[in-house]
Amino acid sequence: MNYNKSYLLAHVGLWTGVVIGILGALIEIRLIAYMSIILMLGSLVQTLIFYKCPNCKKPFNIRGKKPKYCPECGCTLE
């Protein structure tokens, strides 16, 4: 998986988990709320594994925007 797919999957997973968690809390079904936590944690773990520079393999900062170049090696990203 490349860093673009990882970035997209992270955001989709996190926001889907938030929405499902809120719905689970509103309808008071704990299983749905727990599943949303698992979804968000899974999304975070895949980001930590796959969201890195394709050239030097250094991880990107997951708290910011998708970079235009690698802060470590200076490689221009797509």
PDB file of N, CA and C in Angstrom:
ATOM      1  N   MET A   1       0.862  -1.167   0.000  1.00  0.00           N
ATOM      2  CA  MET A   1       0.000   0.000   0.000  1.00  0.00           C
ATOM      3  C   MET A   1       0.908   1.230   0.000  1.00  0.00           C
ATOM      4  N   ASN A   2       0.560   2.208  -0.806  1.00  0.00           N
ATOM      5  CA  ASN A   2       1.363   3.426  -0.826  1.00  0.00           C
ATOM      6  C   ASN A   2       0.815   4.454   0.158  1.00  0.00           C
ATOM      7  N   TYR A   3       1.546   5.534   0.325  1.00  0.00           N
ATOM      8  CA  TYR A   3       1.180   6.533   1.329  1.00  0.00           C
ATOM      9  C   TYR A   3      -0.118   7.253   0.989  1.00  0.00           C
ATOM     10  N   ASN A   4      -0.459   7.402  -0.302  1.00  0.00           N
ATOM     11  CA  ASN A   4      -1.711   8.061  -0.677  1.00  0.00           C
ATOM     12  C   ASN A   4      -2.924   7.247  -0.232  1.00  0.00           C
ATOM     13  N   LYS A   5      -2.891   5.952  -0.491  1.00  0.00           N
ATOM     14  CA  LYS A   5      -3.991   5.082  -0.073  1.00  0.00           C
ATOM     15  C   LYS A   5      -4.086   5.019   1.449  1.00  0.00           C
ATOM     16  N   SER A   6      -2.941   4.984   2.099  1.00  0.00           N
ATOM     17  CA  SER A   6      -2.923   4.948   3.560  1.00  0.00           C
ATOM     18  C   SER A   6      -3.535   6.213   4.148  1.00  0.00           C
ATOM     19  N   TYR A   7      -3.201   7.364   3.572  1.00  0.00           N
ATOM     20  CA  TYR A   7      -3.738   8.648   4.036  1.00  0.00           C
ATOM     21  C   TYR A   7      -5.259   8.675   3.873  1.00  0.00           C
ATOM     22  N   LEU A   8      -5.734   8.241   2.712  1.00  0.00           N
ATOM     23  CA  LEU A   8      -7.180   8.215   2.451  1.00  0.00           C
ATOM     24  C   LEU A   8      -7.888   7.240   3.387  1.00  0.00           C
ATOM     25  N   LEU A   9      -7.328   6.054   3.537  1.00  0.00           N
ATOM     26  CA  LEU A   9      -7.935   5.044   4.398  1.00  0.00           C
ATOM     27  C   LEU A   9      -7.958   5.498   5.856  1.00  0.00           C
ATOM     28  N   ALA A  10      -6.939   6.212   6.273  1.00  0.00           N
ATOM     29  CA  ALA A  10      -6.899   6.721   7.644  1.00  0.00           C
ATOM     30  C   ALA A  10      -8.035   7.700   7.891  1.00  0.00           C
ATOM     31  N   HIS A  11      -8.226   8.630   6.979  1.00  0.00           N
ATOM     32  CA  HIS A  11      -9.277   9.624   7.176  1.00  0.00           C
ATOM     33  C   HIS A  11     -10.672   9.014   7.067  1.00  0.00           C
ATOM     34  N   VAL A  12     -10.863   8.126   6.124  1.00  0.00           N
ATOM     35  CA  VAL A  12     -12.165   7.466   5.994  1.00  0.00           C
ATOM     36  C   VAL A  12     -12.444   6.620   7.238  1.00  0.00           C
ATOM     37  N   GLY A  13     -11.451   5.882   7.699  1.00  0.00           N
ATOM     38  CA  GLY A  13     -11.633   5.038   8.878  1.00  0.00           C
ATOM     39  C   GLY A  13     -11.911   5.833  10.139  1.00  0.00           C
ATOM     40  N   LEU A  14     -11.167   6.913  10.322  1.00  0.00           N
ATOM     41  CA  LEU A  14     -11.377   7.720  11.523  1.00  0.00           C
ATOM     42  C   LEU A  14     -12.743   8.392  11.534  1.00  0.00           C
ATOM     43  N   TRP A  15     -13.114   9.009  10.425  1.00  0.00           N
ATOM     44  CA  TRP A  15     -14.415   9.700  10.393  1.00  0.00           C
ATOM     45  C   TRP A  15     -15.588   8.732  10.416  1.00  0.00           C
ATOM     46  N   THR A  16     -15.432   7.575   9.781  1.00  0.00           N
ATOM     47  CA  THR A  16     -16.492   6.566   9.856  1.00  0.00           C
ATOM     48  C   THR A  16     -16.630   6.057  11.283  1.00  0.00           C
ATOM     49  N   GLY A  17     -15.505   5.840  11.953  1.00  0.00           N
ATOM     50  CA  GLY A  17     -15.538   5.412  13.345  1.00  0.00           C
ATOM     51  C   GLY A  17     -16.187   6.431  14.251  1.00  0.00           C
ATOM     52  N   VAL A  18     -15.919   7.708  14.009  1.00  0.00           N
ATOM     53  CA  VAL A  18     -16.540   8.763  14.817  1.00  0.00           C
ATOM     54  C   VAL A  18     -18.057   8.760  14.622  1.00  0.00           C
ATOM     55  N   VAL A  19     -18.496   8.696  13.377  1.00  0.00           N
ATOM     56  CA  VAL A  19     -19.940   8.714  13.090  1.00  0.00           C
ATOM     57  C   VAL A  19     -20.622   7.486  13.684  1.00  0.00           C
ATOM     58  N   ILE A  20     -20.029   6.313  13.498  1.00  0.00           N
ATOM     59  CA  ILE A  20     -20.619   5.087  14.045  1.00  0.00           C
ATOM     60  C   ILE A  20     -20.623   5.134  15.573  1.00  0.00           C
ATOM     61  N   GLY A  21     -19.558   5.668  16.157  1.00  0.00           N
ATOM     62  CA  GLY A  21     -19.494   5.780  17.615  1.00  0.00           C
ATOM     63  C   GLY A  21     -20.576   6.691  18.168  1.00  0.00           C
ATOM     64  N   ILE A  22     -20.801   7.806  17.508  1.00  0.00           N
ATOM     65  CA  ILE A  22     -21.856   8.727  17.947  1.00  0.00           C
ATOM     66  C   ILE A  22     -23.221   8.073  17.811  1.00  0.00           C
ATOM     67  N   LEU A  23     -23.454   7.402  16.684  1.00  0.00           N
ATOM     68  CA  LEU A  23     -24.742   6.715  16.506  1.00  0.00           C
ATOM     69  C   LEU A  23     -24.926   5.609  17.539  1.00  0.00           C
ATOM     70  N   GLY A  24     -23.858   4.862  17.811  1.00  0.00           N
ATOM     71  CA  GLY A  24     -23.942   3.802  18.822  1.00  0.00           C
ATOM     72  C   GLY A  24     -24.237   4.360  20.200  1.00  0.00           C
ATOM     73  N   ALA A  25     -23.661   5.511  20.518  1.00  0.00           N
ATOM     74  CA  ALA A  25     -23.920   6.129  21.820  1.00  0.00           C
ATOM     75  C   ALA A  25     -25.339   6.674  21.900  1.00  0.00           C
ATOM     76  N   LEU A  26     -25.828   7.217  20.787  1.00  0.00           N
ATOM     77  CA  LEU A  26     -27.178   7.780  20.799  1.00  0.00           C
ATOM     78  C   LEU A  26     -28.259   6.712  20.938  1.00  0.00           C
ATOM     79  N   ILE A  27     -28.047   5.564  20.274  1.00  0.00           N
ATOM     80  CA  ILE A  27     -29.060   4.512  20.377  1.00  0.00           C
ATOM     81  C   ILE A  27     -28.734   3.522  21.500  1.00  0.00           C
ATOM     82  N   GLU A  28     -27.669   3.824  22.239  1.00  0.00           N
ATOM     83  CA  GLU A  28     -27.278   3.081  23.429  1.00  0.00           C
ATOM     84  C   GLU A  28     -27.015   1.599  23.188  1.00  0.00           C
ATOM     85  N   ILE A  29     -26.274   1.320  22.118  1.00  0.00           N
ATOM     86  CA  ILE A  29     -25.826  -0.041  21.848  1.00  0.00           C
ATOM     87  C   ILE A  29     -24.304  -0.040  21.983  1.00  0.00           C
ATOM     88  N   ARG A  30     -23.833  -0.621  23.045  1.00  0.00           N
ATOM     89  CA  ARG A  30     -22.405  -0.563  23.348  1.00  0.00           C
ATOM     90  C   ARG A  30     -21.558  -1.317  22.331  1.00  0.00           C
ATOM     91  N   LEU A  31     -22.073  -2.396  21.773  1.00  0.00           N
ATOM     92  CA  LEU A  31     -21.307  -3.170  20.805  1.00  0.00           C
ATOM     93  C   LEU A  31     -20.930  -2.298  19.601  1.00  0.00           C
ATOM     94  N   ILE A  32     -21.837  -1.488  19.138  1.00  0.00           N
ATOM     95  CA  ILE A  32     -21.559  -0.597  18.010  1.00  0.00           C
ATOM     96  C   ILE A  32     -20.507   0.439  18.407  1.00  0.00           C
ATOM     97  N   ALA A  33     -20.592   0.955  19.595  1.00  0.00           N
ATOM     98  CA  ALA A  33     -19.603   1.927  20.066  1.00  0.00           C
ATOM     99  C   ALA A  33     -18.222   1.284  20.172  1.00  0.00           C
ATOM    100  N   TYR A  34     -18.157   0.057  20.659  1.00  0.00           N
ATOM    101  CA  TYR A  34     -16.873  -0.639  20.746  1.00  0.00           C
ATOM    102  C   TYR A  34     -16.314  -0.943  19.366  1.00  0.00           C
ATOM    103  N   MET A  35     -17.180  -1.300  18.439  1.00  0.00           N
ATOM    104  CA  MET A  35     -16.726  -1.561  17.067  1.00  0.00           C
ATOM    105  C   MET A  35     -16.148  -0.299  16.438  1.00  0.00           C
ATOM    106  N   SER A  36     -16.726   0.845  16.759  1.00  0.00           N
ATOM    107  CA  SER A  36     -16.196   2.090  16.205  1.00  0.00           C
ATOM    108  C   SER A  36     -14.807   2.387  16.764  1.00  0.00           C
ATOM    109  N   ILE A  37     -14.578   2.055  18.026  1.00  0.00           N
ATOM    110  CA  ILE A  37     -13.252   2.250  18.614  1.00  0.00           C
ATOM    111  C   ILE A  37     -12.237   1.338  17.938  1.00  0.00           C
ATOM    112  N   ILE A  38     -12.623   0.100  17.672  1.00  0.00           N
ATOM    113  CA  ILE A  38     -11.745  -0.842  16.978  1.00  0.00           C
ATOM    114  C   ILE A  38     -11.440  -0.343  15.567  1.00  0.00           C
ATOM    115  N   LEU A  39     -12.442   0.194  14.883  1.00  0.00           N
ATOM    116  CA  LEU A  39     -12.243   0.739  13.539  1.00  0.00           C
ATOM    117  C   LEU A  39     -11.258   1.906  13.560  1.00  0.00           C
ATOM    118  N   MET A  40     -11.407   2.795  14.522  1.00  0.00           N
ATOM    119  CA  MET A  40     -10.502   3.945  14.606  1.00  0.00           C
ATOM    120  C   MET A  40      -9.083   3.516  14.962  1.00  0.00           C
ATOM    121  N   LEU A  41      -8.937   2.562  15.872  1.00  0.00           N
ATOM    122  CA  LEU A  41      -7.601   2.077  16.231  1.00  0.00           C
ATOM    123  C   LEU A  41      -6.940   1.345  15.063  1.00  0.00           C
ATOM    124  N   GLY A  42      -7.716   0.555  14.332  1.00  0.00           N
ATOM    125  CA  GLY A  42      -7.191  -0.127  13.149  1.00  0.00           C
ATOM    126  C   GLY A  42      -6.732   0.856  12.094  1.00  0.00           C
ATOM    127  N   SER A  43      -7.495   1.906  11.923  1.00  0.00           N
ATOM    128  CA  SER A  43      -7.128   2.948  10.982  1.00  0.00           C
ATOM    129  C   SER A  43      -5.827   3.623  11.393  1.00  0.00           C
ATOM    130  N   LEU A  44      -5.667   3.875  12.672  1.00  0.00           N
ATOM    131  CA  LEU A  44      -4.449   4.497  13.174  1.00  0.00           C
ATOM    132  C   LEU A  44      -3.243   3.569  13.011  1.00  0.00           C
ATOM    133  N   VAL A  45      -3.417   2.299  13.290  1.00  0.00           N
ATOM    134  CA  VAL A  45      -2.312   1.341  13.172  1.00  0.00           C
ATOM    135  C   VAL A  45      -1.856   1.211  11.728  1.00  0.00           C
ATOM    136  N   GLN A  46      -2.799   1.107  10.777  1.00  0.00           N
ATOM    137  CA  GLN A  46      -2.387   0.992   9.375  1.00  0.00           C
ATOM    138  C   GLN A  46      -1.674   2.253   8.917  1.00  0.00           C
ATOM    139  N   THR A  47      -2.067   3.412   9.453  1.00  0.00           N
ATOM    140  CA  THR A  47      -1.391   4.651   9.098  1.00  0.00           C
ATOM    141  C   THR A  47       0.036   4.644   9.617  1.00  0.00           C
ATOM    142  N   LEU A  48       0.227   4.192  10.829  1.00  0.00           N
ATOM    143  CA  LEU A  48       1.578   4.129  11.390  1.00  0.00           C
ATOM    144  C   LEU A  48       2.469   3.164  10.617  1.00  0.00           C
ATOM    145  N   ILE A  49       1.881   2.132  10.031  1.00  0.00           N
ATOM    146  CA  ILE A  49       2.658   1.146   9.285  1.00  0.00           C
ATOM    147  C   ILE A  49       2.949   1.616   7.857  1.00  0.00           C
ATOM    148  N   PHE A  50       1.959   2.170   7.159  1.00  0.00           N
ATOM    149  CA  PHE A  50       2.084   2.414   5.727  1.00  0.00           C
ATOM    150  C   PHE A  50       2.283   3.869   5.312  1.00  0.00           C
ATOM    151  N   TYR A  51       2.061   4.833   6.185  1.00  0.00           N
ATOM    152  CA  TYR A  51       2.144   6.235   5.808  1.00  0.00           C
ATOM    153  C   TYR A  51       3.585   6.715   5.957  1.00  0.00           C
ATOM    154  N   LYS A  52       4.421   6.410   4.955  1.00  0.00           N
ATOM    155  CA  LYS A  52       5.828   6.776   4.993  1.00  0.00           C
ATOM    156  C   LYS A  52       6.344   7.071   3.594  1.00  0.00           C
ATOM    157  N   CYS A  53       7.504   7.666   3.544  1.00  0.00           N
ATOM    158  CA  CYS A  53       8.112   8.061   2.278  1.00  0.00           C
ATOM    159  C   CYS A  53       8.428   6.824   1.435  1.00  0.00           C
ATOM    160  N   PRO A  54       8.069   6.834   0.153  1.00  0.00           N
ATOM    161  CA  PRO A  54       8.390   5.686  -0.696  1.00  0.00           C
ATOM    162  C   PRO A  54       9.886   5.574  -1.004  1.00  0.00           C
ATOM    163  N   ASN A  55      10.627   6.664  -0.800  1.00  0.00           N
ATOM    164  CA  ASN A  55      12.047   6.668  -1.117  1.00  0.00           C
ATOM    165  C   ASN A  55      12.904   6.236   0.081  1.00  0.00           C
ATOM    166  N   CYS A  56      12.783   6.934   1.204  1.00  0.00           N
ATOM    167  CA  CYS A  56      13.648   6.648   2.359  1.00  0.00           C
ATOM    168  C   CYS A  56      12.959   5.837   3.452  1.00  0.00           C
ATOM    169  N   LYS A  57      11.664   5.612   3.313  1.00  0.00           N
ATOM    170  CA  LYS A  57      10.870   4.801   4.258  1.00  0.00           C
ATOM    171  C   LYS A  57      10.732   5.414   5.654  1.00  0.00           C
ATOM    172  N   LYS A  58      10.980   6.714   5.791  1.00  0.00           N
ATOM    173  CA  LYS A  58      10.768   7.396   7.067  1.00  0.00           C
ATOM    174  C   LYS A  58       9.290   7.749   7.195  1.00  0.00           C
ATOM    175  N   PRO A  59       8.695   7.556   8.369  1.00  0.00           N
ATOM    176  CA  PRO A  59       7.260   7.857   8.525  1.00  0.00           C
ATOM    177  C   PRO A  59       6.985   9.362   8.470  1.00  0.00           C
ATOM    178  N   PHE A  60       5.829   9.701   7.892  1.00  0.00           N
ATOM    179  CA  PHE A  60       5.385  11.087   7.848  1.00  0.00           C
ATOM    180  C   PHE A  60       4.653  11.419   9.145  1.00  0.00           C
ATOM    181  N   ASN A  61       4.519  12.695   9.423  1.00  0.00           N
ATOM    182  CA  ASN A  61       3.748  13.160  10.566  1.00  0.00           C
ATOM    183  C   ASN A  61       2.263  12.945  10.261  1.00  0.00           C
ATOM    184  N   ILE A  62       1.580  12.172  11.084  1.00  0.00           N
ATOM    185  CA  ILE A  62       0.181  11.855  10.800  1.00  0.00           C
ATOM    186  C   ILE A  62      -0.771  12.942  11.281  1.00  0.00           C
ATOM    187  N   ARG A  63      -0.257  13.945  11.980  1.00  0.00           N
ATOM    188  CA  ARG A  63      -1.117  14.992  12.520  1.00  0.00           C
ATOM    189  C   ARG A  63      -1.294  16.176  11.583  1.00  0.00           C
ATOM    190  N   GLY A  64      -0.638  16.169  10.453  1.00  0.00           N
ATOM    191  CA  GLY A  64      -0.720  17.311   9.557  1.00  0.00           C
ATOM    192  C   GLY A  64      -1.304  16.938   8.206  1.00  0.00           C
ATOM    193  N   LYS A  65      -1.146  17.856   7.267  1.00  0.00           N
ATOM    194  CA  LYS A  65      -1.586  17.600   5.898  1.00  0.00           C
ATOM    195  C   LYS A  65      -0.626  16.635   5.218  1.00  0.00           C
ATOM    196  N   LYS A  66      -1.086  16.098   4.106  1.00  0.00           N
ATOM    197  CA  LYS A  66      -0.234  15.224   3.315  1.00  0.00           C
ATOM    198  C   LYS A  66       0.900  16.069   2.729  1.00  0.00           C
ATOM    199  N   PRO A  67       2.158  15.674   2.931  1.00  0.00           N
ATOM    200  CA  PRO A  67       3.272  16.507   2.478  1.00  0.00           C
ATOM    201  C   PRO A  67       3.448  16.476   0.961  1.00  0.00           C
ATOM    202  N   LYS A  68       4.035  17.540   0.435  1.00  0.00           N
ATOM    203  CA  LYS A  68       4.348  17.610  -0.991  1.00  0.00           C
ATOM    204  C   LYS A  68       5.747  17.072  -1.263  1.00  0.00           C
ATOM    205  N   TYR A  69       6.567  17.032  -0.222  1.00  0.00           N
ATOM    206  CA  TYR A  69       7.902  16.452  -0.321  1.00  0.00           C
ATOM    207  C   TYR A  69       8.254  15.829   1.029  1.00  0.00           C
ATOM    208  N   CYS A  70       9.176  14.895   1.007  1.00  0.00           N
ATOM    209  CA  CYS A  70       9.595  14.216   2.229  1.00  0.00           C
ATOM    210  C   CYS A  70      10.441  15.163   3.072  1.00  0.00           C
ATOM    211  N   PRO A  71      10.106  15.341   4.346  1.00  0.00           N
ATOM    212  CA  PRO A  71      10.910  16.223   5.201  1.00  0.00           C
ATOM    213  C   PRO A  71      12.295  15.654   5.511  1.00  0.00           C
ATOM    214  N   GLU A  72      12.478  14.362   5.351  1.00  0.00           N
ATOM    215  CA  GLU A  72      13.763  13.737   5.666  1.00  0.00           C
ATOM    216  C   GLU A  72      14.725  13.767   4.475  1.00  0.00           C
ATOM    217  N   CYS A  73      14.283  13.236   3.320  1.00  0.00           N
ATOM    218  CA  CYS A  73      15.200  13.109   2.173  1.00  0.00           C
ATOM    219  C   CYS A  73      14.950  14.155   1.091  1.00  0.00           C
ATOM    220  N   GLY A  74      13.833  14.888   1.163  1.00  0.00           N
ATOM    221  CA  GLY A  74      13.545  15.924   0.176  1.00  0.00           C
ATOM    222  C   GLY A  74      12.929  15.410  -1.103  1.00  0.00           C
ATOM    223  N   CYS A  75      12.594  14.143  -1.158  1.00  0.00           N
ATOM    224  CA  CYS A  75      11.996  13.534  -2.350  1.00  0.00           C
ATOM    225  C   CYS A  75      10.638  14.192  -2.633  1.00  0.00           C
ATOM    226  N   THR A  76      10.423  14.586  -3.892  1.00  0.00           N
ATOM    227  CA  THR A  76       9.141  15.166  -4.279  1.00  0.00           C
ATOM    228  C   THR A  76       8.102  14.053  -4.375  1.00  0.00           C
ATOM    229  N   LEU A  77       6.953  14.276  -3.742  1.00  0.00           N
ATOM    230  CA  LEU A  77       5.895  13.266  -3.722  1.00  0.00           C
ATOM    231  C   LEU A  77       4.829  13.641  -4.744  1.00  0.00           C
ATOM    232  N   GLU A  78       4.057  12.679  -5.154  1.00  0.00           N
ATOM    233  CA  GLU A  78       3.030  12.876  -6.182  1.00  0.00           C
ATOM    234  C   GLU A  78       1.942  13.813  -5.733  1.00  0.00           C
TER     235      GLU A  78
END
